[in-house]
Amino acid sequence: MRRVVLIVLGLLAVVTAGLYLFRGPIALRAVQVGVQRAMTSDPIAALPDGLHVVLCGAGGPLPDPERSGPCVAVIADGSMYVVDAGSGGVRNLMRWQLTPAHIDAVFLTHFHSDHIDGLGELALMRWTNGNHRSPLPVIGAEGVQEVVEGFNRAYAADHRFRSAHHGEKVTPSSGAGMVSRPFAPPKDRLGPRVWRDGDLEVTMFGVEHAPVRPAVGYRFDYRGRSVVISGDTSKSANLTYFARNADLLVHEALDAKMIAITEAIARETGNLTRAQIMADIPEYHTTPVEAAEIATTAGVDHLLYYHIVPPLLLPGLDVVFLEGTAEAYDGPITLGVDGTMLSLPANSDDITVSQL
């Protein structure tokens, strides 16, 4: 028996040594296989007909290893739409092989930095990956023109360099950058249709994020399914109105208990600037329980939390964050992380949750 064990251990040592010696060629072969798979697969085409929601960024402005800056991808009829473009969002999409080439439009909820700081990179990757010959449409309330113009100016030299290097057939200069499509900030209970493509309709509605104005959310309707995305807001009656009977509510949430702890410690340690910020931010955000109450009042079928503040960095903080939500809403609740995906098949009541 001992002899057999020694032989097995010897063989394992030989195999391990061989793998170590040839790790370079093995890794290179793995790269070849991976690249081939990535270039021949199309996850979007493989999806069933319906609405599919992917959190390309489930966090807020603070660093969180599980949650990038706010970014929600909505897939319908083979096209992808992105609501807000927080830092890291487009890189997540590429990591999951949801190529930015499929992005038909971006919808901005408001112009806080954490919702737009990945916009230039997103537009660039959409252009260079898709051979687009027209700029990326960016839809938003009045003021979106200034945001788009600023990014276009910042990336102007880069656009020239890439077209000169790769040529007009690969990176046509006509497709570089973005074009803004502004809408007047909607009044309560008025929701202009800001996008229509086949059976997909997107409605803009106002939310409460004072002193940030304008601030809006969006409702996506497609073949009997509906998704509402809040953007940043305090508890909003107007959002509740537009979320009526929606299949899925994707709502921001801030845990006031944890923020209050941070504020108190900041005051105790003399960091009055940080303390003031912590005192201010709950005013224009929604607590998890308040979002659950909205879901109940609106009669939505599923509640998905995103724009999670503060970062939930320790085990057990998810329990703290969700405390009281089950009492406020008796439907299914999903606490989002990057890669959380909810699929709503067309003309159905089903909602499936998965993780990319």
Foldseek 3Di string as FASTA:
>chain_A
DVVVVVVVVVVVVVVVVVCVVCVPVVVVVVVVVVVVCLVPDAVLVPDFAFKKKAFLAFADDDDFPFGFQGKIWIHHPQAIEIEFFFPRSQVLCVVVSVFLLRYQAYEYQAVDCRRHVRVLVSQVRNQQVNVDQAEHEYEYAPPVQVVQVVSCVVCVVVLVVVCVVVHCSRRNSNHHGYDYDHDHADDFPDWDFPDDDPQKTKTWHAAAQPPGPGGIWIWIDGQHAIETEGGWFELGPSSLVVLAAHQEYEFEAAALVVLVVQLVVCVVVVVVVSNVVSVPVVVTGYALQSQLLSCVSRVYQEYEYGNYPPHPHDPPVVVVRCPPSCVNHVHYYHYDTRQWMWTDHHPDSDIDIDGD
